Amino acid sequence: MTALDRYMARLIAVPLISTLLISAMLLVLDRMLRLFDFVASEGGPVSVVWRMLANLLPEYLGLGIPIGLMLGILLAFRRLATTSELDVLRAVGMSYNRMLLVPFMYAIALAGMNLAIVGYIQPLARYNYEGLRFELRSGALGASIKVGEFTNLGERMTLRIEESRNEGRDLSGIFVNARAPGGDIVSATAEKGQFLRTDDPDVIIFRLTKGTLIHQSPKFDTPRVLTFDAHDLPIDLPKFEQFRQRGESNLELTLPQLAKIGSDPGASAEQRDTSRSAFHFRMVEVATMLLLPLLALALGVPPKRSTSALGVFLSIVMIVTYHKINEYAQGVGSLGLIDPLIALWAPFLIFAGLVLWMYYTIAYVPGGQPIGALEKFFAKAWKAVSKYLPGKRRKAAA
């Protein structure tokens, strides 16, 4: 690797890593607030929020890696162009094809990483995320006991806790009402309480301290009242429904599983179409990354004597628009209206043709600028608008 290649690698690495970190942080912060509200409403432990966010990271990386790659290469070439380093490299005989060596190394490495993420890691993480949501709602994560509210543990016990400290290990203001099958009713209040484990995983001990117990039974003429310093109350844990098996959604299936269902003659036509659409969607998204170095170069080099950032804006618009087109094509292919192979790869070929034309224009046409017409249009539009800005009017009057 030459000194130029190392220099290009450094130029690309800084905006690439920065874009990945910023995009991941923004997506995580947006989802974190909603997850905190969801976990708080379900009464779950705060630690589950971090586990859910960790399972969402592969999905965020699958979206952020292509954008980070695009901006990293684009901003690197933009810096070379605006500092006249690109003119020097061209003057000494360095072709654009040679300059793209390092960007394509980044693209191939990140495309392989993205293939592993969307093909294998993201489906498993998605299933784990849905499993955590299910456990929160069912109470299997200890989310069923809420402070200050009456909570039913199974069908025969009601519990209320006024205050919880030390992550639920120290409880105070306890009220318990338990109903036995024979008609006996036990009600108890206590100043403090603590949950203790037993050898039986389906039973826990609720140790009450300094309280009063009332025992009502059809056998008693009057309820029995007992004051105690310590009393152990066994609690049968409720039986929770088991979470479903992985594979209910195509988002939870890996690439080999999608390919297997898509070619299975025993599967229904709907299952084959949805599986094939999901498979081709993921493959198209990964294949598109190999076109990004060419697109980034074409949009990253502004016209001579111009520092316009139109290419940066246009690159993001093109990637997002193409991603939305792929999502629409996946939906059409899933409905069986168009063969998934055609629905997803036809837009890819059109996008690839556009990118190759843009690269050919800037690399092989003398003075060629693929977005030159847009640059001129926006320059004239800005010039017309700037006449009416307050600062411009004062300067003209002076």
Protein backbone atom coordinates (compact mmCIF):
# COMPACT_ATOMS: atom_id res chain seq x y z
CA MET A 1 0.00 0.00 0.00
CA THR A 2 1.44 3.36 -1.06
CA ALA A 3 1.49 6.60 0.90
CA LEU A 4 -1.47 7.82 -1.18
CA ASP A 5 -3.50 4.75 -0.23
CA ARG A 6 -2.78 5.28 3.45
CA TYR A 7 -3.71 8.94 3.10
CA MET A 8 -7.00 8.03 1.40
CA ALA A 9 -7.72 5.44 4.10
CA ARG A 10 -7.35 8.12 6.81
CA LEU A 11 -9.50 10.61 4.90
CA ILE A 12 -12.30 8.06 4.55
CA ALA A 13 -12.07 6.58 8.05
CA VAL A 14 -12.81 9.77 10.01
CA PRO A 15 -16.16 10.75 8.39
CA LEU A 16 -17.16 7.08 8.05
CA ILE A 17 -16.73 6.32 11.75
CA SER A 18 -18.24 9.68 12.75
CA THR A 19 -21.31 9.08 10.60
CA LEU A 20 -21.80 5.59 12.01
CA LEU A 21 -21.52 6.79 15.59
CA ILE A 22 -23.79 9.81 15.12
CA SER A 23 -26.47 7.87 13.22
CA ALA A 24 -26.40 5.02 15.75
CA MET A 25 -26.60 7.45 18.69
CA LEU A 26 -29.53 9.35 17.16
CA LEU A 27 -31.46 6.16 16.43
CA VAL A 28 -30.68 4.73 19.87
CA LEU A 29 -31.69 7.91 21.68
CA ASP A 30 -34.96 8.08 19.76
CA ARG A 31 -35.80 4.47 20.58
CA MET A 32 -34.44 4.69 24.15
CA LEU A 33 -37.08 7.21 25.23
CA ARG A 34 -39.88 5.02 23.88
CA LEU A 35 -38.40 1.93 25.49
CA PHE A 36 -38.12 3.66 28.87
CA ASP A 37 -41.80 4.63 28.64
CA PHE A 38 -42.76 1.10 27.62
CA VAL A 39 -40.72 -0.59 30.37
CA ALA A 40 -41.94 1.89 32.99
CA SER A 41 -45.58 1.34 32.00
CA GLU A 42 -45.08 -2.43 32.26
CA GLY A 43 -43.25 -2.09 35.59
CA GLY A 44 -40.11 -3.84 34.34
CA PRO A 45 -36.52 -3.39 35.52
CA VAL A 46 -34.46 -0.63 33.91
CA SER A 47 -31.74 -3.09 32.92
CA VAL A 48 -34.02 -4.64 30.31
CA VAL A 49 -33.89 -1.36 28.32
CA TRP A 50 -30.17 -1.85 27.65
CA ARG A 51 -30.77 -5.46 26.58
CA MET A 52 -33.47 -4.37 24.16
CA LEU A 53 -31.27 -1.61 22.71
CA ALA A 54 -28.41 -4.07 22.27
CA ASN A 55 -30.71 -6.28 20.19
CA LEU A 56 -31.70 -3.27 18.05
CA LEU A 57 -28.11 -2.27 17.24
CA PRO A 58 -27.73 -4.75 14.33
CA GLU A 59 -30.80 -3.23 12.68
CA TYR A 60 -29.39 0.28 13.10
CA LEU A 61 -25.99 -0.79 11.76
CA GLY A 62 -27.63 -2.37 8.73
CA LEU A 63 -29.04 1.07 7.89
CA GLY A 64 -26.08 3.15 9.02
CA ILE A 65 -23.21 1.30 7.35
CA PRO A 66 -24.20 2.15 3.72
CA ILE A 67 -24.77 5.82 4.60
CA GLY A 68 -21.49 5.96 6.54
CA LEU A 69 -19.60 4.39 3.63
CA MET A 70 -21.16 6.80 1.16
CA LEU A 71 -20.42 9.94 3.18
CA GLY A 72 -16.94 8.75 4.16
CA ILE A 73 -15.82 8.35 0.53
CA LEU A 74 -17.72 11.41 -0.71
CA LEU A 75 -16.27 13.76 1.90
CA ALA A 76 -12.77 12.38 1.30
CA PHE A 77 -12.94 13.21 -2.43
CA ARG A 78 -14.61 16.53 -1.69
CA ARG A 79 -11.71 17.51 0.53
CA LEU A 80 -9.21 16.49 -2.14
CA ALA A 81 -11.11 18.57 -4.70
CA THR A 82 -11.57 21.72 -2.60
CA THR A 83 -7.91 21.78 -1.51
CA SER A 84 -6.66 21.28 -5.12
CA GLU A 85 -4.98 18.01 -4.13
CA LEU A 86 -7.14 16.20 -6.65
CA ASP A 87 -5.82 18.45 -9.46
CA VAL A 88 -2.27 17.61 -8.46
CA LEU A 89 -2.97 13.88 -8.46
CA ARG A 90 -4.61 14.11 -11.86
CA ALA A 91 -1.74 16.19 -13.21
CA VAL A 92 0.82 13.51 -12.30
CA GLY A 93 -1.19 10.87 -14.13
CA MET A 94 -3.24 9.36 -11.28
CA SER A 95 -6.53 8.10 -12.70
CA TYR A 96 -9.84 7.97 -10.89
CA ASN A 97 -9.79 4.19 -11.23
CA ARG A 98 -6.54 4.06 -9.26
CA MET A 99 -7.88 6.44 -6.60
CA LEU A 100 -10.85 4.13 -6.03
CA LEU A 101 -8.67 1.24 -4.86
CA VAL A 102 -8.95 2.09 -1.15
CA PRO A 103 -12.66 3.07 -1.34
CA PHE A 104 -13.45 -0.30 -2.93
CA MET A 105 -11.48 -2.06 -0.19
CA TYR A 106 -13.69 -0.29 2.36
CA ALA A 107 -16.80 -1.14 0.33
CA ILE A 108 -15.98 -4.86 0.04
CA ALA A 109 -15.13 -5.17 3.74
CA LEU A 110 -18.25 -3.29 4.89
CA ALA A 111 -20.46 -5.15 2.40
CA GLY A 112 -19.27 -8.43 3.90
CA MET A 113 -19.96 -7.11 7.38
CA ASN A 114 -23.40 -5.89 6.35
CA LEU A 115 -24.17 -9.27 4.75
CA ALA A 116 -23.36 -10.99 8.07
CA ILE A 117 -25.52 -8.50 9.95
CA VAL A 118 -28.66 -8.53 7.78
CA GLY A 119 -28.30 -12.20 6.87
CA TYR A 120 -27.60 -13.79 10.24
CA ILE A 121 -27.15 -11.45 13.23
CA GLN A 122 -30.13 -9.14 12.76
CA PRO A 123 -32.77 -11.95 12.50
CA LEU A 124 -31.59 -13.51 15.76
CA ALA A 125 -31.40 -10.13 17.50
CA ARG A 126 -34.90 -9.28 16.28
CA TYR A 127 -36.29 -12.49 17.75
CA ASN A 128 -34.56 -11.78 21.08
CA TYR A 129 -36.02 -8.27 21.09
CA GLU A 130 -39.54 -9.56 20.53
CA GLY A 131 -38.95 -12.15 23.26
CA LEU A 132 -38.05 -9.42 25.76
CA ARG A 133 -41.20 -7.48 24.84
CA PHE A 134 -43.28 -10.61 25.39
CA GLU A 135 -41.68 -11.32 28.77
CA LEU A 136 -42.25 -7.74 29.89
CA ARG A 137 -45.92 -7.86 29.04
CA SER A 138 -46.43 -11.30 30.57
CA GLY A 139 -44.54 -10.42 33.74
CA ALA A 140 -41.87 -13.08 33.31
CA LEU A 141 -39.16 -10.48 33.98
CA GLY A 142 -40.53 -9.58 37.39
CA ALA A 143 -42.55 -6.81 35.85
CA SER A 144 -45.90 -7.80 37.38
CA ILE A 145 -45.48 -6.10 40.79
CA LYS A 146 -45.93 -2.32 40.57
CA VAL A 147 -45.35 0.04 43.48
CA GLY A 148 -48.49 1.77 44.73
CA GLU A 149 -50.90 -0.47 42.80
CA PHE A 150 -52.89 -3.61 43.56
CA THR A 151 -51.32 -6.48 41.63
CA ASN A 152 -52.72 -9.97 41.11
CA LEU A 153 -50.25 -12.84 41.41
CA GLY A 154 -52.10 -15.67 39.82
CA GLU A 155 -55.81 -16.07 40.51
CA ARG A 156 -55.76 -16.28 44.33
CA MET A 157 -53.39 -13.56 45.57
CA THR A 158 -53.47 -9.76 45.57
CA LEU A 159 -50.47 -7.71 46.64
CA ARG A 160 -49.82 -4.02 47.21
CA ILE A 161 -46.48 -2.40 48.05
CA GLU A 162 -46.18 1.24 49.08
CA GLU A 163 -42.43 1.70 48.63
CA SER A 164 -39.51 -0.20 47.09
CA ARG A 165 -35.83 0.45 47.76
CA ASN A 166 -32.50 -1.12 46.96
CA GLU A 167 -33.72 -2.42 43.57
CA GLY A 168 -36.70 -4.21 45.10
CA ARG A 169 -34.84 -5.93 47.93
CA ASP A 170 -36.31 -3.69 50.66
CA LEU A 171 -40.09 -3.33 50.55
CA SER A 172 -42.32 -1.39 52.94
CA GLY A 173 -46.04 -0.75 53.41
CA ILE A 174 -47.14 -4.29 52.56
CA PHE A 175 -50.69 -5.53 52.04
CA VAL A 176 -51.37 -9.16 51.03
CA ASN A 177 -54.67 -10.94 50.43
CA ALA A 178 -54.58 -14.68 49.68
CA ARG A 179 -57.54 -16.99 48.99
CA ALA A 180 -57.26 -20.76 49.52
CA PRO A 181 -59.30 -23.32 47.50
CA GLY A 182 -61.29 -24.31 50.61
CA GLY A 183 -62.64 -20.80 51.09
CA ASP A 184 -60.05 -19.62 53.65
CA ILE A 185 -58.92 -16.00 53.24
CA VAL A 186 -55.71 -14.65 54.74
CA SER A 187 -55.08 -10.90 54.80
CA ALA A 188 -51.90 -9.39 56.18
CA THR A 189 -50.30 -5.99 56.59
CA ALA A 190 -46.67 -5.47 57.46
CA GLU A 191 -44.17 -2.65 57.82
CA LYS A 192 -41.51 -4.37 55.73
CA GLY A 193 -41.15 -7.33 53.41
CA GLN A 194 -38.59 -9.22 51.38
CA PHE A 195 -38.75 -11.88 48.65
CA LEU A 196 -36.59 -14.96 49.23
CA ARG A 197 -35.79 -17.86 46.93
CA THR A 198 -36.56 -21.49 47.71
CA ASP A 199 -35.37 -24.81 46.34
CA ASP A 200 -38.56 -25.00 44.31
CA PRO A 201 -38.24 -22.64 41.28
CA ASP A 202 -42.04 -22.28 41.15
CA VAL A 203 -42.36 -21.07 44.76
CA ILE A 204 -40.88 -18.06 46.55
CA ILE A 205 -41.11 -16.93 50.17
CA PHE A 206 -42.43 -13.48 51.02
CA ARG A 207 -41.00 -12.71 54.48
CA LEU A 208 -43.12 -10.12 56.33
CA THR A 209 -41.81 -8.16 59.29
CA LYS A 210 -43.81 -6.43 62.09
CA GLY A 211 -47.39 -6.80 60.96
CA THR A 212 -50.87 -8.12 61.52
CA LEU A 213 -52.51 -11.19 59.97
CA ILE A 214 -56.25 -11.87 59.72
CA HIS A 215 -57.42 -15.42 58.96
CA GLN A 216 -61.03 -15.90 57.82
CA SER A 217 -62.54 -19.35 57.30
CA PRO A 218 -65.99 -20.95 57.05
CA LYS A 219 -64.91 -23.05 60.03
CA PHE A 220 -64.42 -19.99 62.27
CA ASP A 221 -67.24 -18.02 63.86
CA THR A 222 -65.02 -14.95 64.01
CA PRO A 223 -61.82 -14.15 62.12
CA ARG A 224 -58.55 -14.90 63.88
CA VAL A 225 -56.17 -11.99 64.34
CA LEU A 226 -52.45 -12.46 64.83
CA THR A 227 -49.67 -9.94 65.31
CA PHE A 228 -46.17 -11.05 64.40
CA ASP A 229 -42.58 -9.89 64.27
CA ALA A 230 -41.76 -12.15 61.30
CA HIS A 231 -43.97 -14.33 59.12
CA ASP A 232 -43.07 -16.34 56.00
CA LEU A 233 -45.75 -16.45 53.34
CA PRO A 234 -45.20 -18.95 50.48
CA ILE A 235 -46.23 -17.65 47.05
CA ASP A 236 -46.78 -19.87 44.02
CA LEU A 237 -45.36 -18.15 40.97
CA PRO A 238 -47.87 -17.83 38.14
CA LYS A 239 -47.36 -19.95 35.06
CA PHE A 240 -46.31 -17.85 32.08
CA GLU A 241 -47.11 -18.62 28.49
CA GLN A 242 -44.09 -19.71 26.49
CA PHE A 243 -42.86 -17.36 23.78
CA ARG A 244 -43.45 -18.50 20.21
CA GLN A 245 -40.84 -20.18 18.05
CA ARG A 246 -38.62 -18.07 15.81
CA GLY A 247 -39.79 -17.65 12.25
CA GLU A 248 -43.26 -16.13 12.53
CA SER A 249 -41.93 -13.08 10.65
CA ASN A 250 -39.47 -13.01 7.74
CA LEU A 251 -37.45 -10.48 9.74
CA GLU A 252 -36.48 -13.33 12.08
CA LEU A 253 -35.27 -15.71 9.37
CA THR A 254 -31.68 -15.95 8.18
CA LEU A 255 -30.73 -15.93 4.50
CA PRO A 256 -30.41 -19.76 4.20
CA GLN A 257 -33.82 -20.18 5.85
CA LEU A 258 -35.41 -17.67 3.47
CA ALA A 259 -33.83 -19.43 0.48
CA LYS A 260 -35.06 -22.80 1.72
CA ILE A 261 -38.66 -21.62 2.15
CA GLY A 262 -38.58 -19.75 -1.16
CA SER A 263 -37.66 -22.93 -3.06
CA ASP A 264 -39.83 -25.34 -1.06
CA PRO A 265 -42.60 -26.76 -3.27
CA GLY A 266 -44.51 -27.80 -0.16
CA ALA A 267 -44.84 -24.20 1.05
CA SER A 268 -47.76 -22.04 0.01
CA ALA A 269 -47.41 -19.52 -2.81
CA GLU A 270 -47.69 -16.67 -0.30
CA GLN A 271 -44.89 -18.07 1.86
CA ARG A 272 -42.63 -18.56 -1.16
CA ASP A 273 -43.25 -15.05 -2.46
CA THR A 274 -42.68 -13.33 0.89
CA SER A 275 -39.54 -15.36 1.59
CA ARG A 276 -38.08 -14.74 -1.88
CA SER A 277 -38.87 -11.02 -1.60
CA ALA A 278 -37.13 -10.75 1.76
CA PHE A 279 -34.13 -12.72 0.45
CA HIS A 280 -33.68 -10.58 -2.67
CA PHE A 281 -34.27 -7.37 -0.70
CA ARG A 282 -31.36 -8.13 1.61
CA MET A 283 -29.10 -9.21 -1.25
CA VAL A 284 -29.89 -6.07 -3.28
CA GLU A 285 -29.15 -3.83 -0.28
CA VAL A 286 -25.73 -5.46 0.14
CA ALA A 287 -24.94 -5.41 -3.60
CA THR A 288 -25.75 -1.70 -3.75
CA MET A 289 -22.83 -0.97 -1.42
CA LEU A 290 -20.41 -1.98 -4.21
CA LEU A 291 -21.76 0.92 -6.32
CA LEU A 292 -21.34 3.54 -3.60
CA PRO A 293 -17.62 4.33 -4.26
CA LEU A 294 -18.46 5.26 -7.87
CA LEU A 295 -21.45 7.35 -6.81
CA ALA A 296 -19.50 9.05 -4.01
CA LEU A 297 -16.74 10.09 -6.42
CA ALA A 298 -19.21 11.44 -8.97
CA LEU A 299 -21.05 13.51 -6.36
CA GLY A 300 -18.08 14.43 -4.17
CA VAL A 301 -16.11 16.41 -6.78
CA PRO A 302 -17.75 19.84 -7.21
CA PRO A 303 -17.35 21.98 -10.35
CA LYS A 304 -14.23 24.11 -10.72
CA ARG A 305 -14.13 27.25 -8.57
CA SER A 306 -17.12 25.96 -6.61
CA THR A 307 -17.50 24.78 -3.03
CA SER A 308 -21.12 23.71 -3.39
CA ALA A 309 -22.28 20.91 -1.07
CA LEU A 310 -25.13 19.91 -3.37
CA GLY A 311 -23.51 16.51 -3.95
CA VAL A 312 -23.61 15.68 -0.23
CA PHE A 313 -27.33 16.48 -0.05
CA LEU A 314 -28.08 14.66 -3.28
CA SER A 315 -26.21 11.52 -2.19
CA ILE A 316 -28.35 11.13 0.92
CA VAL A 317 -31.53 11.75 -1.09
CA MET A 318 -30.54 9.13 -3.66
CA ILE A 319 -29.71 6.45 -1.07
CA VAL A 320 -32.86 7.02 0.98
CA THR A 321 -35.07 7.15 -2.12
CA TYR A 322 -33.56 3.97 -3.54
CA HIS A 323 -34.00 2.23 -0.17
CA LYS A 324 -37.69 3.20 -0.13
CA ILE A 325 -38.10 1.94 -3.71
CA ASN A 326 -36.64 -1.40 -2.62
CA GLU A 327 -39.05 -1.57 0.31
CA TYR A 328 -41.97 -0.91 -2.03
CA ALA A 329 -40.65 -3.53 -4.48
CA GLN A 330 -40.39 -6.02 -1.64
CA GLY A 331 -44.03 -5.40 -0.75
CA VAL A 332 -45.12 -5.82 -4.38
CA GLY A 333 -43.12 -9.03 -4.68
CA SER A 334 -44.59 -10.37 -1.44
CA LEU A 335 -48.10 -9.91 -2.83
CA GLY A 336 -47.19 -11.97 -5.88
CA LEU A 337 -48.00 -9.13 -8.30
CA ILE A 338 -44.47 -9.21 -9.78
CA ASP A 339 -41.82 -11.89 -9.51
CA PRO A 340 -39.52 -10.85 -6.60
CA LEU A 341 -36.44 -11.36 -8.78
CA ILE A 342 -37.71 -8.78 -11.28
CA ALA A 343 -39.28 -6.45 -8.71
CA LEU A 344 -36.02 -5.97 -6.79
CA TRP A 345 -33.23 -6.45 -9.32
CA ALA A 346 -34.76 -4.32 -12.10
CA PRO A 347 -34.52 -1.12 -9.97
CA PHE A 348 -30.98 -2.19 -9.02
CA LEU A 349 -29.96 -2.39 -12.69
CA ILE A 350 -31.48 1.04 -13.35
CA PHE A 351 -29.69 2.52 -10.33
CA ALA A 352 -26.43 0.84 -11.37
CA GLY A 353 -26.78 2.26 -14.89
CA LEU A 354 -27.29 5.76 -13.49
CA VAL A 355 -24.25 5.44 -11.22
CA LEU A 356 -22.03 4.12 -14.01
CA TRP A 357 -23.13 6.97 -16.30
CA MET A 358 -22.32 9.54 -13.60
CA TYR A 359 -18.90 8.01 -13.01
CA TYR A 360 -18.15 7.79 -16.74
CA THR A 361 -19.10 11.46 -17.15
CA ILE A 362 -16.73 12.72 -14.48
CA ALA A 363 -13.89 10.28 -15.19
CA TYR A 364 -13.77 10.12 -19.00
CA VAL A 365 -15.63 13.16 -20.40
CA PRO A 366 -13.34 16.25 -20.49
CA GLY A 367 -14.80 18.81 -18.14
CA GLY A 368 -17.69 16.46 -17.44
CA GLN A 369 -19.84 17.10 -14.39
CA PRO A 370 -22.80 14.69 -13.88
CA ILE A 371 -24.74 17.16 -11.76
CA GLY A 372 -23.49 20.29 -13.55
CA ALA A 373 -26.99 21.30 -14.66
CA LEU A 374 -28.28 21.00 -11.09
CA GLU A 375 -25.30 22.99 -9.80
CA LYS A 376 -26.06 25.83 -12.25
CA PHE A 377 -29.76 25.78 -11.43
CA PHE A 378 -29.22 25.99 -7.68
CA ALA A 379 -26.52 28.63 -8.09
CA LYS A 380 -28.91 30.84 -10.09
CA ALA A 381 -31.74 30.17 -7.66
CA TRP A 382 -29.55 31.09 -4.67
CA LYS A 383 -28.38 34.25 -6.43
CA ALA A 384 -31.99 35.27 -7.08
CA VAL A 385 -33.08 34.56 -3.52
CA SER A 386 -30.06 36.23 -1.93
CA LYS A 387 -31.03 39.58 -3.46
CA TYR A 388 -33.99 39.75 -1.09
CA LEU A 389 -32.07 38.87 2.08
CA PRO A 390 -31.76 41.79 4.58
CA GLY A 391 -27.96 41.76 4.55
CA LYS A 392 -27.79 41.83 0.76
CA ARG A 393 -30.22 44.75 0.54
CA ARG A 394 -28.23 46.87 3.00
CA LYS A 395 -25.00 46.13 1.12
CA ALA A 396 -26.58 47.13 -2.21
CA ALA A 397 -27.96 50.36 -0.75
CA ALA A 398 -24.52 51.29 0.61
